[in-house]
C-alpha atoms as a PDB file:
ATOM      1  CA  UNK A   1      -6.684 -12.875  -9.491  1.00  0.00           C
ATOM      2  CA  UNK A   2      -3.890 -11.053 -11.320  1.00  0.00           C
ATOM      3  CA  UNK A   3      -6.229  -8.242 -12.307  1.00  0.00           C
ATOM      4  CA  UNK A   4      -7.294  -7.778  -8.674  1.00  0.00           C
ATOM      5  CA  UNK A   5      -3.697  -7.725  -7.484  1.00  0.00           C
ATOM      6  CA  UNK A   6      -2.886  -5.126 -10.121  1.00  0.00           C
ATOM      7  CA  UNK A   7      -5.819  -2.969  -9.061  1.00  0.00           C
ATOM      8  CA  UNK A   8      -5.002  -3.088  -5.354  1.00  0.00           C
ATOM      9  CA  UNK A   9      -1.344  -2.228  -5.921  1.00  0.00           C
ATOM     10  CA  UNK A  10      -2.202   0.571  -8.327  1.00  0.00           C
ATOM     11  CA  UNK A  11      -4.719   2.498  -6.281  1.00  0.00           C
ATOM     12  CA  UNK A  12      -2.567   2.233  -3.185  1.00  0.00           C
ATOM     13  CA  UNK A  13       0.113   4.254  -4.953  1.00  0.00           C
ATOM     14  CA  UNK A  14      -1.747   6.560  -7.262  1.00  0.00           C
ATOM     15  CA  UNK A  15      -1.524   9.742  -5.254  1.00  0.00           C
ATOM     16  CA  UNK A  16       1.093  11.393  -3.121  1.00  0.00           C
ATOM     17  CA  UNK A  17       1.684  15.036  -2.281  1.00  0.00           C
ATOM     18  CA  UNK A  18       4.579  17.392  -1.707  1.00  0.00           C
ATOM     19  CA  UNK A  19       4.881  20.190   0.798  1.00  0.00           C
ATOM     20  CA  UNK A  20       5.351  23.860   0.141  1.00  0.00           C
ATOM     21  CA  UNK A  21       9.030  24.406  -0.393  1.00  0.00           C
ATOM     22  CA  UNK A  22       9.405  26.998   2.357  1.00  0.00           C
ATOM     23  CA  UNK A  23       7.692  28.873   5.145  1.00  0.00           C
ATOM     24  CA  UNK A  24       8.696  32.206   6.562  1.00  0.00           C
ATOM     25  CA  UNK A  25      12.094  33.677   5.698  1.00  0.00           C
ATOM     26  CA  UNK A  26      14.580  36.252   6.960  1.00  0.00           C
ATOM     27  CA  UNK A  27      17.899  37.526   5.628  1.00  0.00           C
ATOM     28  CA  UNK A  28      20.689  39.585   7.170  1.00  0.00           C
ATOM     29  CA  UNK A  29      22.061  40.570   3.761  1.00  0.00           C
ATOM     30  CA  UNK A  30      22.433  44.405   3.674  1.00  0.00           C
ATOM     31  CA  UNK A  31      21.078  44.401   0.094  1.00  0.00           C
ATOM     32  CA  UNK A  32      17.644  43.516   1.451  1.00  0.00           C
ATOM     33  CA  UNK A  33      17.689  45.763   4.531  1.00  0.00           C
ATOM     34  CA  UNK A  34      15.219  48.285   3.136  1.00  0.00           C
ATOM     35  CA  UNK A  35      12.758  45.527   2.251  1.00  0.00           C
ATOM     36  CA  UNK A  36      12.896  43.942   5.704  1.00  0.00           C
ATOM     37  CA  UNK A  37      12.625  47.340   7.390  1.00  0.00           C
ATOM     38  CA  UNK A  38       9.386  47.890   5.457  1.00  0.00           C
ATOM     39  CA  UNK A  39       8.096  44.512   6.685  1.00  0.00           C
ATOM     40  CA  UNK A  40       8.717  45.460  10.296  1.00  0.00           C
ATOM     41  CA  UNK A  41       6.631  48.613   9.986  1.00  0.00           C
ATOM     42  CA  UNK A  42       3.715  47.190   7.974  1.00  0.00           C
ATOM     43  CA  UNK A  43       0.243  47.116   9.534  1.00  0.00           C
ATOM     44  CA  UNK A  44      -0.792  43.465   9.181  1.00  0.00           C
ATOM     45  CA  UNK A  45      -4.511  43.134   9.935  1.00  0.00           C
ATOM     46  CA  UNK A  46      -5.357  39.688   8.544  1.00  0.00           C
ATOM     47  CA  UNK A  47      -6.553  36.726  10.608  1.00  0.00           C
ATOM     48  CA  UNK A  48      -4.020  34.217   9.289  1.00  0.00           C
ATOM     49  CA  UNK A  49      -1.424  33.223   9.940  1.00  0.00           C
ATOM     50  CA  UNK A  50      -1.947  33.496  13.677  1.00  0.00           C
ATOM     51  CA  UNK A  51       1.091  35.359  15.077  1.00  0.00           C
ATOM     52  CA  UNK A  52       1.688  36.709  11.580  1.00  0.00           C
ATOM     53  CA  UNK A  53       1.757  40.307  12.778  1.00  0.00           C
ATOM     54  CA  UNK A  54       4.415  39.471  15.367  1.00  0.00           C
ATOM     55  CA  UNK A  55       6.452  37.609  12.749  1.00  0.00           C
ATOM     56  CA  UNK A  56       6.392  40.665  10.460  1.00  0.00           C
ATOM     57  CA  UNK A  57       7.349  42.943  13.343  1.00  0.00           C
ATOM     58  CA  UNK A  58      10.414  40.795  13.912  1.00  0.00           C
ATOM     59  CA  UNK A  59      11.400  41.057  10.269  1.00  0.00           C
ATOM     60  CA  UNK A  60      10.219  37.683   8.956  1.00  0.00           C
ATOM     61  CA  UNK A  61       8.795  37.564   5.446  1.00  0.00           C
ATOM     62  CA  UNK A  62       5.646  35.454   5.876  1.00  0.00           C
ATOM     63  CA  UNK A  63       3.976  33.863   2.804  1.00  0.00           C
ATOM     64  CA  UNK A  64       0.419  34.901   2.022  1.00  0.00           C
ATOM     65  CA  UNK A  65      -1.673  32.534   4.154  1.00  0.00           C
ATOM     66  CA  UNK A  66      -4.220  31.214   1.649  1.00  0.00           C
ATOM     67  CA  UNK A  67      -3.211  29.231  -1.391  1.00  0.00           C
ATOM     68  CA  UNK A  68      -4.444  26.890  -4.063  1.00  0.00           C
ATOM     69  CA  UNK A  69      -2.255  24.687  -6.261  1.00  0.00           C
ATOM     70  CA  UNK A  70      -2.640  22.726  -9.461  1.00  0.00           C
ATOM     71  CA  UNK A  71      -0.327  19.713  -9.268  1.00  0.00           C
ATOM     72  CA  UNK A  72       0.861  17.144 -11.807  1.00  0.00           C
ATOM     73  CA  UNK A  73       2.622  14.126 -10.345  1.00  0.00           C
ATOM     74  CA  UNK A  74       4.064  10.991 -11.928  1.00  0.00           C
ATOM     75  CA  UNK A  75       5.690   8.067 -10.120  1.00  0.00           C
ATOM     76  CA  UNK A  76       7.115   4.653 -10.922  1.00  0.00           C
ATOM     77  CA  UNK A  77       8.018   2.166  -8.219  1.00  0.00           C
ATOM     78  CA  UNK A  78       8.295  -1.524  -7.382  1.00  0.00           C
ATOM     79  CA  UNK A  79       5.902  -3.327  -5.025  1.00  0.00           C
ATOM     80  CA  UNK A  80       6.439  -6.552  -3.079  1.00  0.00           C
ATOM     81  CA  UNK A  81       3.528  -8.942  -2.518  1.00  0.00           C
ATOM     82  CA  UNK A  82       4.449 -10.695   0.725  1.00  0.00           C
ATOM     83  CA  UNK A  83       1.485 -13.001   1.380  1.00  0.00           C
ATOM     84  CA  UNK A  84      -1.383 -14.302  -0.736  1.00  0.00           C
ATOM     85  CA  UNK A  85      -4.465 -16.077   0.652  1.00  0.00           C
ATOM     86  CA  UNK A  86      -7.143 -17.340  -1.733  1.00  0.00           C
ATOM     87  CA  UNK A  87     -10.676 -18.709  -1.319  1.00  0.00           C
ATOM     88  CA  UNK A  88     -13.495 -19.753  -3.651  1.00  0.00           C
ATOM     89  CA  UNK A  89     -17.155 -18.684  -3.613  1.00  0.00           C
ATOM     90  CA  UNK A  90     -17.119 -17.450  -0.010  1.00  0.00           C
ATOM     91  CA  UNK A  91     -15.337 -20.471   1.428  1.00  0.00           C
ATOM     92  CA  UNK A  92     -12.384 -20.452   3.789  1.00  0.00           C
ATOM     93  CA  UNK A  93      -9.226 -18.840   2.455  1.00  0.00           C
ATOM     94  CA  UNK A  94      -5.982 -20.827   2.283  1.00  0.00           C
ATOM     95  CA  UNK A  95      -2.465 -19.451   2.320  1.00  0.00           C
ATOM     96  CA  UNK A  96      -0.797 -19.931  -1.065  1.00  0.00           C
ATOM     97  CA  UNK A  97       2.175 -17.657  -0.383  1.00  0.00           C
ATOM     98  CA  UNK A  98       4.656 -20.534  -0.586  1.00  0.00           C
ATOM     99  CA  UNK A  99       3.188 -21.836  -3.835  1.00  0.00           C
ATOM    100  CA  UNK A 100       2.668 -18.661  -5.905  1.00  0.00           C
ATOM    101  CA  UNK A 101       5.719 -16.697  -7.008  1.00  0.00           C
ATOM    102  CA  UNK A 102       5.583 -13.176  -8.395  1.00  0.00           C
ATOM    103  CA  UNK A 103       8.266 -11.397 -10.356  1.00  0.00           C
ATOM    104  CA  UNK A 104       8.729  -7.615 -10.172  1.00  0.00           C
ATOM    105  CA  UNK A 105       5.475  -5.681  -9.828  1.00  0.00           C
ATOM    106  CA  UNK A 106       5.875  -2.174 -11.245  1.00  0.00           C
ATOM    107  CA  UNK A 107       3.300   0.567 -10.720  1.00  0.00           C
ATOM    108  CA  UNK A 108       3.376   3.750 -12.797  1.00  0.00           C
ATOM    109  CA  UNK A 109       1.091   6.618 -11.794  1.00  0.00           C
ATOM    110  CA  UNK A 110      -0.004   9.895 -13.356  1.00  0.00           C
ATOM    111  CA  UNK A 111      -2.054  12.131 -11.069  1.00  0.00           C
ATOM    112  CA  UNK A 112      -3.689  15.538 -11.429  1.00  0.00           C
ATOM    113  CA  UNK A 113      -4.725  17.149  -8.164  1.00  0.00           C
ATOM    114  CA  UNK A 114      -5.914  20.419  -6.666  1.00  0.00           C
ATOM    115  CA  UNK A 115      -4.561  21.422  -3.285  1.00  0.00           C
ATOM    116  CA  UNK A 116      -6.032  24.247  -1.180  1.00  0.00           C
ATOM    117  CA  UNK A 117      -3.840  25.188   1.774  1.00  0.00           C
ATOM    118  CA  UNK A 118      -3.580  27.612   4.686  1.00  0.00           C
ATOM    119  CA  UNK A 119      -0.704  28.814   6.849  1.00  0.00           C
ATOM    120  CA  UNK A 120      -2.406  28.653  10.263  1.00  0.00           C
ATOM    121  CA  UNK A 121       0.817  29.745  11.957  1.00  0.00           C
ATOM    122  CA  UNK A 122       3.940  31.214  10.357  1.00  0.00           C
ATOM    123  CA  UNK A 123       5.518  27.764  10.678  1.00  0.00           C
ATOM    124  CA  UNK A 124       2.476  25.478  10.191  1.00  0.00           C
ATOM    125  CA  UNK A 125       0.657  24.860   6.907  1.00  0.00           C
ATOM    126  CA  UNK A 126      -2.382  22.580   6.552  1.00  0.00           C
ATOM    127  CA  UNK A 127      -3.885  21.415   3.287  1.00  0.00           C
ATOM    128  CA  UNK A 128      -6.349  19.150   1.518  1.00  0.00           C
ATOM    129  CA  UNK A 129      -5.804  17.075  -1.626  1.00  0.00           C
ATOM    130  CA  UNK A 130      -8.440  16.321  -4.269  1.00  0.00           C
ATOM    131  CA  UNK A 131      -8.016  14.954  -7.752  1.00  0.00           C
ATOM    132  CA  UNK A 132      -7.926  12.100 -10.197  1.00  0.00           C
ATOM    133  CA  UNK A 133      -5.534  10.211 -12.373  1.00  0.00           C
ATOM    134  CA  UNK A 134      -4.513   6.993 -14.052  1.00  0.00           C
ATOM    135  CA  UNK A 135      -2.226   4.164 -13.116  1.00  0.00           C
ATOM    136  CA  UNK A 136      -0.567   1.385 -15.073  1.00  0.00           C
ATOM    137  CA  UNK A 137       0.693  -1.719 -13.321  1.00  0.00           C
ATOM    138  CA  UNK A 138       2.896  -4.460 -14.741  1.00  0.00           C
ATOM    139  CA  UNK A 139       2.646  -7.811 -12.942  1.00  0.00           C
ATOM    140  CA  UNK A 140       4.711 -10.907 -13.645  1.00  0.00           C
ATOM    141  CA  UNK A 141       3.499 -14.274 -12.322  1.00  0.00           C
ATOM    142  CA  UNK A 142       6.310 -16.839 -12.367  1.00  0.00           C
ATOM    143  CA  UNK A 143       4.645 -19.854 -10.735  1.00  0.00           C
ATOM    144  CA  UNK A 144       2.446 -21.920 -11.149  1.00  0.00           C
ATOM    145  CA  UNK A 145       2.290 -20.567 -14.714  1.00  0.00           C
ATOM    146  CA  UNK A 146       4.178 -17.760 -16.403  1.00  0.00           C
ATOM    147  CA  UNK A 147       1.999 -14.736 -17.151  1.00  0.00           C
ATOM    148  CA  UNK A 148       2.934 -11.117 -17.771  1.00  0.00           C
ATOM    149  CA  UNK A 149       0.141  -8.585 -17.861  1.00  0.00           C
ATOM    150  CA  UNK A 150      -0.350  -4.825 -17.834  1.00  0.00           C
ATOM    151  CA  UNK A 151      -3.525  -3.147 -16.598  1.00  0.00           C
ATOM    152  CA  UNK A 152      -4.676   0.479 -16.508  1.00  0.00           C
ATOM    153  CA  UNK A 153      -7.142   2.010 -14.068  1.00  0.00           C
ATOM    154  CA  UNK A 154      -8.766   5.358 -13.345  1.00  0.00           C
ATOM    155  CA  UNK A 155      -9.040   6.552  -9.756  1.00  0.00           C
ATOM    156  CA  UNK A 156      -9.934   9.554  -7.631  1.00  0.00           C
ATOM    157  CA  UNK A 157      -8.025  10.787  -4.609  1.00  0.00           C
ATOM    158  CA  UNK A 158      -8.599  12.757  -1.447  1.00  0.00           C
ATOM    159  CA  UNK A 159      -6.418  13.449   1.563  1.00  0.00           C
ATOM    160  CA  UNK A 160      -5.171  15.860   4.204  1.00  0.00           C
ATOM    161  CA  UNK A 161      -1.727  16.900   5.373  1.00  0.00           C
ATOM    162  CA  UNK A 162       0.394  19.364   7.304  1.00  0.00           C
ATOM    163  CA  UNK A 163       3.827  20.957   6.898  1.00  0.00           C
ATOM    164  CA  UNK A 164       6.125  22.307   9.603  1.00  0.00           C
ATOM    165  CA  UNK A 165       8.674  24.842   8.359  1.00  0.00           C
ATOM    166  CA  UNK A 166      11.459  26.842   9.943  1.00  0.00           C
ATOM    167  CA  UNK A 167      14.900  28.278   9.350  1.00  0.00           C
ATOM    168  CA  UNK A 168      18.379  27.978  10.831  1.00  0.00           C
ATOM    169  CA  UNK A 169      20.461  30.867   9.554  1.00  0.00           C
ATOM    170  CA  UNK A 170      20.355  30.862   5.736  1.00  0.00           C
ATOM    171  CA  UNK A 171      18.928  27.316   5.581  1.00  0.00           C
ATOM    172  CA  UNK A 172      15.228  26.475   5.801  1.00  0.00           C
ATOM    173  CA  UNK A 173      13.759  23.103   6.783  1.00  0.00           C
ATOM    174  CA  UNK A 174      10.323  21.729   5.859  1.00  0.00           C
ATOM    175  CA  UNK A 175       8.780  18.507   7.239  1.00  0.00           C
ATOM    176  CA  UNK A 176       5.634  17.337   5.479  1.00  0.00           C
ATOM    177  CA  UNK A 177       3.217  14.516   6.364  1.00  0.00           C
ATOM    178  CA  UNK A 178      -0.031  13.522   4.694  1.00  0.00           C
ATOM    179  CA  UNK A 179      -2.576  10.740   4.362  1.00  0.00           C
ATOM    180  CA  UNK A 180      -4.047  10.036   0.936  1.00  0.00           C
ATOM    181  CA  UNK A 181      -6.915   7.752  -0.010  1.00  0.00           C
ATOM    182  CA  UNK A 182      -7.338   6.364  -3.533  1.00  0.00           C
ATOM    183  CA  UNK A 183     -10.885   5.439  -4.491  1.00  0.00           C
ATOM    184  CA  UNK A 184     -11.919   3.169  -7.362  1.00  0.00           C
ATOM    185  CA  UNK A 185     -15.486   2.032  -8.113  1.00  0.00           C
ATOM    186  CA  UNK A 186     -14.651  -1.687  -7.955  1.00  0.00           C
ATOM    187  CA  UNK A 187     -12.922  -1.386  -4.568  1.00  0.00           C
ATOM    188  CA  UNK A 188     -15.239  -1.343  -1.556  1.00  0.00           C
ATOM    189  CA  UNK A 189     -13.093   0.908   0.634  1.00  0.00           C
ATOM    190  CA  UNK A 190     -10.576   3.611  -0.361  1.00  0.00           C
ATOM    191  CA  UNK A 191      -6.983   2.443   0.108  1.00  0.00           C
ATOM    192  CA  UNK A 192      -4.811   4.706   2.295  1.00  0.00           C
ATOM    193  CA  UNK A 193      -1.181   5.697   1.890  1.00  0.00           C
ATOM    194  CA  UNK A 194       1.017   7.656   4.310  1.00  0.00           C
ATOM    195  CA  UNK A 195       3.683   9.976   2.901  1.00  0.00           C
ATOM    196  CA  UNK A 196       6.381  11.804   4.826  1.00  0.00           C
ATOM    197  CA  UNK A 197       9.199  13.998   3.522  1.00  0.00           C
ATOM    198  CA  UNK A 198      11.970  16.159   4.917  1.00  0.00           C
ATOM    199  CA  UNK A 199      13.543  18.953   2.860  1.00  0.00           C
ATOM    200  CA  UNK A 200      16.514  21.220   3.545  1.00  0.00           C
ATOM    201  CA  UNK A 201      17.079  24.180   1.255  1.00  0.00           C
ATOM    202  CA  UNK A 202      18.142  27.757   0.647  1.00  0.00           C
ATOM    203  CA  UNK A 203      16.365  30.713  -0.932  1.00  0.00           C
ATOM    204  CA  UNK A 204      18.087  33.247  -3.205  1.00  0.00           C
ATOM    205  CA  UNK A 205      16.419  36.655  -3.332  1.00  0.00           C
ATOM    206  CA  UNK A 206      16.443  39.121  -6.227  1.00  0.00           C
ATOM    207  CA  UNK A 207      18.358  42.195  -4.921  1.00  0.00           C
ATOM    208  CA  UNK A 208      16.198  44.494  -7.050  1.00  0.00           C
ATOM    209  CA  UNK A 209      12.856  42.840  -6.256  1.00  0.00           C
ATOM    210  CA  UNK A 210      13.154  40.810  -3.011  1.00  0.00           C
ATOM    211  CA  UNK A 211       9.702  39.253  -3.432  1.00  0.00           C
ATOM    212  CA  UNK A 212      11.088  37.444  -6.484  1.00  0.00           C
ATOM    213  CA  UNK A 213      13.048  34.420  -5.252  1.00  0.00           C
ATOM    214  CA  UNK A 214      14.605  31.119  -6.275  1.00  0.00           C
ATOM    215  CA  UNK A 215      14.690  28.229  -3.799  1.00  0.00           C
ATOM    216  CA  UNK A 216      16.572  24.939  -4.140  1.00  0.00           C
ATOM    217  CA  UNK A 217      16.483  21.928  -1.840  1.00  0.00           C
ATOM    218  CA  UNK A 218      17.419  18.324  -1.229  1.00  0.00           C
ATOM    219  CA  UNK A 219      15.592  15.836   0.956  1.00  0.00           C
ATOM    220  CA  UNK A 220      14.207  12.386   1.519  1.00  0.00           C
ATOM    221  CA  UNK A 221      10.765  10.946   0.832  1.00  0.00           C
ATOM    222  CA  UNK A 222       9.029   8.032   2.600  1.00  0.00           C
ATOM    223  CA  UNK A 223       5.871   6.185   1.582  1.00  0.00           C
ATOM    224  CA  UNK A 224       3.868   3.427   3.271  1.00  0.00           C
ATOM    225  CA  UNK A 225       0.712   1.802   1.907  1.00  0.00           C
ATOM    226  CA  UNK A 226      -1.935  -0.232   3.706  1.00  0.00           C
ATOM    227  CA  UNK A 227      -0.433  -3.684   4.188  1.00  0.00           C
ATOM    228  CA  UNK A 228      -3.492  -5.907   3.855  1.00  0.00           C
ATOM    229  CA  UNK A 229      -6.469  -5.842   1.520  1.00  0.00           C
ATOM    230  CA  UNK A 230      -9.419  -8.250   1.411  1.00  0.00           C
ATOM    231  CA  UNK A 231     -12.266  -8.766  -1.017  1.00  0.00           C
ATOM    232  CA  UNK A 232     -13.672 -10.918  -3.793  1.00  0.00           C
ATOM    233  CA  UNK A 233     -13.957 -10.697  -7.566  1.00  0.00           C
ATOM    234  CA  UNK A 234     -15.753 -12.659 -10.270  1.00  0.00           C
ATOM    235  CA  UNK A 235     -13.406 -15.200 -11.832  1.00  0.00           C
ATOM    236  CA  UNK A 236     -14.626 -14.130 -15.277  1.00  0.00           C
ATOM    237  CA  UNK A 237     -13.253 -10.620 -14.601  1.00  0.00           C
ATOM    238  CA  UNK A 238      -9.864 -11.987 -13.571  1.00  0.00           C
ATOM    239  CA  UNK A 239      -9.323 -14.302 -16.550  1.00  0.00           C
ATOM    240  CA  UNK A 240     -11.797 -13.354 -19.302  1.00  0.00           C
ATOM    241  CA  UNK A 241      -9.696 -15.196 -21.928  1.00  0.00           C
ATOM    242  CA  UNK A 242      -7.613 -17.725 -20.102  1.00  0.00           C
ATOM    243  CA  UNK A 243      -6.057 -19.576 -23.032  1.00  0.00           C
ATOM    244  CA  UNK A 244      -5.665 -23.142 -24.225  1.00  0.00           C
ATOM    245  CA  UNK A 245      -5.651 -26.468 -22.417  1.00  0.00           C
ATOM    246  CA  UNK A 246      -1.873 -26.552 -21.929  1.00  0.00           C
ATOM    247  CA  UNK A 247      -2.120 -23.984 -19.144  1.00  0.00           C
ATOM    248  CA  UNK A 248      -4.870 -26.011 -17.492  1.00  0.00           C
ATOM    249  CA  UNK A 249      -2.640 -29.093 -17.568  1.00  0.00           C
ATOM    250  CA  UNK A 250       0.207 -27.133 -15.960  1.00  0.00           C
ATOM    251  CA  UNK A 251      -2.142 -25.880 -13.243  1.00  0.00           C
ATOM    252  CA  UNK A 252      -3.455 -29.405 -12.568  1.00  0.00           C
ATOM    253  CA  UNK A 253       0.091 -30.672 -12.133  1.00  0.00           C
ATOM    254  CA  UNK A 254       0.885 -27.782  -9.787  1.00  0.00           C
ATOM    255  CA  UNK A 255      -2.282 -28.353  -7.730  1.00  0.00           C
ATOM    256  CA  UNK A 256      -1.486 -32.063  -7.283  1.00  0.00           C
ATOM    257  CA  UNK A 257       1.571 -31.070  -5.242  1.00  0.00           C
ATOM    258  CA  UNK A 258      -0.299 -28.830  -2.835  1.00  0.00           C
ATOM    259  CA  UNK A 259      -1.418 -29.702   0.704  1.00  0.00           C
ATOM    260  CA  UNK A 260      -5.015 -30.909   0.891  1.00  0.00           C
ATOM    261  CA  UNK A 261      -6.695 -27.623   1.881  1.00  0.00           C
ATOM    262  CA  UNK A 262      -4.830 -25.629  -0.744  1.00  0.00           C
ATOM    263  CA  UNK A 263      -5.439 -28.355  -3.367  1.00  0.00           C
ATOM    264  CA  UNK A 264      -9.211 -28.260  -2.869  1.00  0.00           C
ATOM    265  CA  UNK A 265      -9.412 -24.507  -3.373  1.00  0.00           C
ATOM    266  CA  UNK A 266      -6.964 -24.537  -6.283  1.00  0.00           C
ATOM    267  CA  UNK A 267      -8.915 -27.253  -8.122  1.00  0.00           C
ATOM    268  CA  UNK A 268     -12.202 -25.418  -7.611  1.00  0.00           C
ATOM    269  CA  UNK A 269     -10.690 -22.396  -9.318  1.00  0.00           C
ATOM    270  CA  UNK A 270      -8.966 -24.447 -12.030  1.00  0.00           C
ATOM    271  CA  UNK A 271     -12.290 -26.126 -12.886  1.00  0.00           C
ATOM    272  CA  UNK A 272     -13.780 -22.723 -13.636  1.00  0.00           C
ATOM    273  CA  UNK A 273     -10.707 -21.641 -15.582  1.00  0.00           C
ATOM    274  CA  UNK A 274     -11.097 -24.763 -17.693  1.00  0.00           C
ATOM    275  CA  UNK A 275     -14.700 -23.760 -18.390  1.00  0.00           C
ATOM    276  CA  UNK A 276     -13.486 -20.341 -19.552  1.00  0.00           C
ATOM    277  CA  UNK A 277     -10.811 -21.875 -21.805  1.00  0.00           C
ATOM    278  CA  UNK A 278     -13.520 -24.090 -23.358  1.00  0.00           C
ATOM    279  CA  UNK A 279     -15.858 -21.148 -23.921  1.00  0.00           C
ATOM    280  CA  UNK A 280     -18.241 -22.150 -21.113  1.00  0.00           C
ATOM    281  CA  UNK A 281     -19.735 -19.416 -18.925  1.00  0.00           C
ATOM    282  CA  UNK A 282     -18.324 -19.853 -15.364  1.00  0.00           C
ATOM    283  CA  UNK A 283     -21.443 -18.244 -13.901  1.00  0.00           C
ATOM    284  CA  UNK A 284     -21.100 -16.207 -10.736  1.00  0.00           C
ATOM    285  CA  UNK A 285     -18.021 -17.983  -9.408  1.00  0.00           C
ATOM    286  CA  UNK A 286     -15.791 -15.700  -7.370  1.00  0.00           C
ATOM    287  CA  UNK A 287     -12.244 -15.708  -6.090  1.00  0.00           C
ATOM    288  CA  UNK A 288     -11.859 -14.401  -2.525  1.00  0.00           C
ATOM    289  CA  UNK A 289      -8.500 -12.969  -1.571  1.00  0.00           C
ATOM    290  CA  UNK A 290      -6.353 -11.411   1.110  1.00  0.00           C
ATOM    291  CA  UNK A 291      -3.078  -9.763   0.087  1.00  0.00           C
ATOM    292  CA  UNK A 292      -0.238  -8.410   2.205  1.00  0.00           C
ATOM    293  CA  UNK A 293       1.973  -5.997   0.296  1.00  0.00           C
ATOM    294  CA  UNK A 294       4.609  -3.303   0.777  1.00  0.00           C
ATOM    295  CA  UNK A 295       6.620  -0.854  -1.274  1.00  0.00           C
ATOM    296  CA  UNK A 296       9.941  -2.438  -2.214  1.00  0.00           C
ATOM    297  CA  UNK A 297      11.974   0.608  -1.088  1.00  0.00           C
ATOM    298  CA  UNK A 298      10.056   3.034   1.167  1.00  0.00           C
ATOM    299  CA  UNK A 299      12.747   5.751   1.045  1.00  0.00           C
ATOM    300  CA  UNK A 300      14.256   7.693  -1.847  1.00  0.00           C
ATOM    301  CA  UNK A 301      16.040  11.015  -2.391  1.00  0.00           C
ATOM    302  CA  UNK A 302      14.344  14.151  -3.706  1.00  0.00           C
ATOM    303  CA  UNK A 303      15.770  17.280  -5.365  1.00  0.00           C
ATOM    304  CA  UNK A 304      13.679  20.348  -6.066  1.00  0.00           C
ATOM    305  CA  UNK A 305      13.507  23.987  -7.070  1.00  0.00           C
ATOM    306  CA  UNK A 306      10.943  26.768  -6.745  1.00  0.00           C
ATOM    307  CA  UNK A 307      10.635  30.113  -8.504  1.00  0.00           C
ATOM    308  CA  UNK A 308       8.507  32.782  -6.859  1.00  0.00           C
ATOM    309  CA  UNK A 309       7.477  35.447  -9.375  1.00  0.00           C
ATOM    310  CA  UNK A 310       5.943  37.531  -6.590  1.00  0.00           C
ATOM    311  CA  UNK A 311       4.025  36.936  -3.370  1.00  0.00           C
ATOM    312  CA  UNK A 312       1.042  35.665  -5.390  1.00  0.00           C
ATOM    313  CA  UNK A 313       2.471  33.294  -8.002  1.00  0.00           C
ATOM    314  CA  UNK A 314       4.881  30.390  -7.419  1.00  0.00           C
ATOM    315  CA  UNK A 315       5.975  27.460  -9.577  1.00  0.00           C
ATOM    316  CA  UNK A 316       7.880  24.511  -8.166  1.00  0.00           C
ATOM    317  CA  UNK A 317       9.215  21.217  -9.431  1.00  0.00           C
ATOM    318  CA  UNK A 318      10.733  18.173  -7.788  1.00  0.00           C
ATOM    319  CA  UNK A 319      12.497  14.997  -8.878  1.00  0.00           C
ATOM    320  CA  UNK A 320      12.740  11.783  -6.859  1.00  0.00           C
ATOM    321  CA  UNK A 321      15.481   9.259  -7.619  1.00  0.00           C
ATOM    322  CA  UNK A 322      17.401   6.242  -6.285  1.00  0.00           C
ATOM    323  CA  UNK A 323      15.934   3.360  -4.346  1.00  0.00           C
ATOM    324  CA  UNK A 324      13.230   1.522  -6.319  1.00  0.00           C
ATOM    325  CA  UNK A 325      11.115   4.611  -6.885  1.00  0.00           C
ATOM    326  CA  UNK A 326      11.343   7.516  -9.320  1.00  0.00           C
ATOM    327  CA  UNK A 327       8.976  10.489  -9.375  1.00  0.00           C
ATOM    328  CA  UNK A 328       8.434  13.927 -10.837  1.00  0.00           C
ATOM    329  CA  UNK A 329       6.198  16.747  -9.647  1.00  0.00           C
ATOM    330  CA  UNK A 330       5.171  20.095 -11.167  1.00  0.00           C
ATOM    331  CA  UNK A 331       3.165  22.556  -9.067  1.00  0.00           C
ATOM    332  CA  UNK A 332       1.637  25.961  -9.866  1.00  0.00           C
ATOM    333  CA  UNK A 333       0.619  27.805  -6.707  1.00  0.00           C
ATOM    334  CA  UNK A 334      -1.457  30.976  -6.293  1.00  0.00           C
ATOM    335  CA  UNK A 335      -1.441  32.724  -2.874  1.00  0.00           C
ATOM    336  CA  UNK A 336      -3.552  35.535  -1.434  1.00  0.00           C
ATOM    337  CA  UNK A 337      -4.025  37.284   1.886  1.00  0.00           C
ATOM    338  CA  UNK A 338      -7.693  36.495   2.423  1.00  0.00           C
ATOM    339  CA  UNK A 339      -9.499  38.184   5.273  1.00  0.00           C
END
């Protein structure tokens, strides 16, 4: 059961994504007047972004519409398991939430993704997310027996998102939302996560080469994972080497104090665990489960910076802190005008 809990928590969190740091920009600084005058007179004949020509005519510096990014992302956060229902070999599930106690569950993720994107409008960017990665989850079971375990999994990810961007004077604002789905072979359905972030920042332009810029920002990040997950797993996969008879005795004592329905299911599972501890093959016995879970702290703060070498090449980084989540992102972005 612990292994299944670890897997479900891990893949729910393995991938998240961050928005482009900025959209269109405009400056009233006299040092950049010649550059913005040249923008107003340029003949923009590309399809995207829609209204791009009008934005240039009004003196807005619009990013090249098409882009592709290589992204490395790492995250560590705490998960709460709110409710646990268990069944045996396809039988009815019983609620054991009041009888199983978990300590802190910590999920650490490393993800490598590719993100193609397009500015459809000067203020609206849409993108897709594709990639893979690894996750390590540390679970502590406090009751009915004390077990600490760490598991590692590989997963793939896919998702879609959109960013709204705009500016108020010298400050730009970007609001990003995306849905990501983590897919692992042993999980029947990909597990979704919703991510939302709001960033407020400022861009410093190079007075000699205005297309070379440095942007800095601060913001907040929110994440929500699917609350409930159901399935079944072979008991041999959960506890391949359960241990000695002392743990069985502790489990028997715990089960004796359960209500009748919970006691029946618990003893069915304990019987198979005893077989495993005695070196007897448990056969095809399965544990059925339903878990309700949530991130311990859905919000945290983010701080980031972006360096634009020119209109084609951009590198950005971001750090998330506070709350019960920490994260780091590194992104290399290439942009082009397309057709």
